[in-house]
Amino acid sequence: MNLHITLLPVLSIIAGVLILIKPKLLNYVVAIYLIAIGVIQIFGLN
């Protein structure tokens, strides 16, 4: 049984949980999330 997990949905879930736990982190979480998505898209990581 193979489990194929892509990186973007995992990052989205982690960012969402962090925002729910600590709403004051919203700016930092969004900034880090956007940078991570950019790096993933540039280098084609999955």
N, C-alpha and C. Protein backbone atom coordinates (compact mmCIF):
# COMPACT_ATOMS: atom_id res chain seq x y z
N MET A 1 0.84 -1.18 0.00
CA MET A 1 0.00 0.00 0.00
C MET A 1 0.88 1.24 0.00
N ASN A 2 0.76 2.05 -1.02
CA ASN A 2 1.52 3.29 -1.11
C ASN A 2 0.64 4.46 -0.75
N LEU A 3 1.19 5.37 0.03
CA LEU A 3 0.47 6.58 0.41
C LEU A 3 1.21 7.75 -0.19
N HIS A 4 0.56 8.43 -1.14
CA HIS A 4 1.18 9.56 -1.82
C HIS A 4 0.66 10.85 -1.21
N ILE A 5 1.55 11.55 -0.51
CA ILE A 5 1.17 12.80 0.14
C ILE A 5 1.92 13.94 -0.54
N THR A 6 1.17 14.93 -1.01
CA THR A 6 1.82 16.10 -1.59
C THR A 6 2.08 17.13 -0.49
N LEU A 7 3.02 18.00 -0.74
CA LEU A 7 3.49 18.91 0.30
C LEU A 7 2.55 20.08 0.55
N LEU A 8 1.92 20.61 -0.47
CA LEU A 8 1.08 21.80 -0.31
C LEU A 8 -0.12 21.58 0.61
N PRO A 9 -0.87 20.49 0.47
CA PRO A 9 -1.98 20.29 1.41
C PRO A 9 -1.51 20.12 2.86
N VAL A 10 -0.38 19.49 3.05
CA VAL A 10 0.16 19.32 4.40
C VAL A 10 0.52 20.69 4.99
N LEU A 11 1.17 21.54 4.19
CA LEU A 11 1.50 22.88 4.64
C LEU A 11 0.24 23.68 4.97
N SER A 12 -0.79 23.52 4.16
CA SER A 12 -2.05 24.23 4.40
C SER A 12 -2.67 23.82 5.73
N ILE A 13 -2.67 22.53 6.02
CA ILE A 13 -3.24 22.05 7.27
C ILE A 13 -2.44 22.56 8.46
N ILE A 14 -1.12 22.50 8.36
CA ILE A 14 -0.28 22.99 9.46
C ILE A 14 -0.51 24.48 9.69
N ALA A 15 -0.56 25.25 8.61
CA ALA A 15 -0.79 26.70 8.74
C ALA A 15 -2.16 26.97 9.37
N GLY A 16 -3.17 26.25 8.95
CA GLY A 16 -4.51 26.44 9.51
C GLY A 16 -4.58 26.12 10.99
N VAL A 17 -3.92 25.04 11.39
CA VAL A 17 -3.91 24.66 12.80
C VAL A 17 -3.18 25.71 13.63
N LEU A 18 -2.03 26.19 13.12
CA LEU A 18 -1.29 27.22 13.86
C LEU A 18 -2.11 28.49 14.03
N ILE A 19 -2.85 28.87 13.00
CA ILE A 19 -3.68 30.07 13.08
C ILE A 19 -4.82 29.87 14.09
N LEU A 20 -5.40 28.67 14.11
CA LEU A 20 -6.46 28.40 15.08
C LEU A 20 -5.94 28.41 16.51
N ILE A 21 -4.74 27.88 16.71
CA ILE A 21 -4.17 27.82 18.05
C ILE A 21 -3.73 29.19 18.53
N LYS A 22 -3.09 29.94 17.66
CA LYS A 22 -2.50 31.22 18.06
C LYS A 22 -2.81 32.26 16.99
N PRO A 23 -3.96 32.92 17.05
CA PRO A 23 -4.36 33.88 16.01
C PRO A 23 -3.39 35.04 15.82
N LYS A 24 -2.62 35.39 16.86
CA LYS A 24 -1.67 36.49 16.71
C LYS A 24 -0.53 36.15 15.75
N LEU A 25 -0.36 34.87 15.46
CA LEU A 25 0.69 34.42 14.54
C LEU A 25 0.27 34.52 13.08
N LEU A 26 -0.92 35.04 12.82
CA LEU A 26 -1.47 35.02 11.46
C LEU A 26 -0.52 35.61 10.43
N ASN A 27 0.04 36.78 10.69
CA ASN A 27 0.94 37.41 9.71
C ASN A 27 2.15 36.53 9.42
N TYR A 28 2.74 35.98 10.46
CA TYR A 28 3.94 35.16 10.28
C TYR A 28 3.61 33.85 9.57
N VAL A 29 2.51 33.23 9.95
CA VAL A 29 2.12 31.95 9.34
C VAL A 29 1.84 32.15 7.85
N VAL A 30 1.11 33.20 7.51
CA VAL A 30 0.80 33.45 6.10
C VAL A 30 2.07 33.76 5.31
N ALA A 31 2.96 34.55 5.88
CA ALA A 31 4.20 34.89 5.19
C ALA A 31 5.06 33.64 4.96
N ILE A 32 5.22 32.82 5.98
CA ILE A 32 6.01 31.59 5.84
C ILE A 32 5.35 30.64 4.85
N TYR A 33 4.04 30.54 4.90
CA TYR A 33 3.30 29.67 3.98
C TYR A 33 3.51 30.10 2.53
N LEU A 34 3.40 31.40 2.28
CA LEU A 34 3.57 31.89 0.91
C LEU A 34 4.99 31.69 0.41
N ILE A 35 5.97 31.91 1.28
CA ILE A 35 7.37 31.67 0.89
C ILE A 35 7.58 30.20 0.60
N ALA A 36 7.03 29.33 1.44
CA ALA A 36 7.18 27.88 1.22
C ALA A 36 6.54 27.45 -0.08
N ILE A 37 5.36 27.97 -0.40
CA ILE A 37 4.70 27.62 -1.66
C ILE A 37 5.55 28.09 -2.84
N GLY A 38 6.09 29.29 -2.74
CA GLY A 38 6.95 29.80 -3.81
C GLY A 38 8.16 28.92 -4.03
N VAL A 39 8.82 28.53 -2.97
CA VAL A 39 10.02 27.66 -3.08
C VAL A 39 9.63 26.31 -3.66
N ILE A 40 8.51 25.75 -3.19
CA ILE A 40 8.07 24.46 -3.71
C ILE A 40 7.77 24.55 -5.20
N GLN A 41 7.11 25.60 -5.63
CA GLN A 41 6.78 25.77 -7.05
C GLN A 41 8.02 25.99 -7.89
N ILE A 42 8.97 26.76 -7.39
CA ILE A 42 10.19 27.04 -8.16
C ILE A 42 11.01 25.77 -8.37
N PHE A 43 11.18 24.99 -7.30
CA PHE A 43 12.02 23.80 -7.38
C PHE A 43 11.25 22.54 -7.75
N GLY A 44 9.93 22.63 -7.88
CA GLY A 44 9.11 21.49 -8.30
C GLY A 44 9.10 20.35 -7.30
N LEU A 45 9.14 20.66 -6.02
CA LEU A 45 9.11 19.62 -5.00
C LEU A 45 7.68 19.14 -4.79
N ASN A 46 7.54 17.89 -4.35
CA ASN A 46 6.23 17.32 -4.03
C ASN A 46 6.23 16.76 -2.65
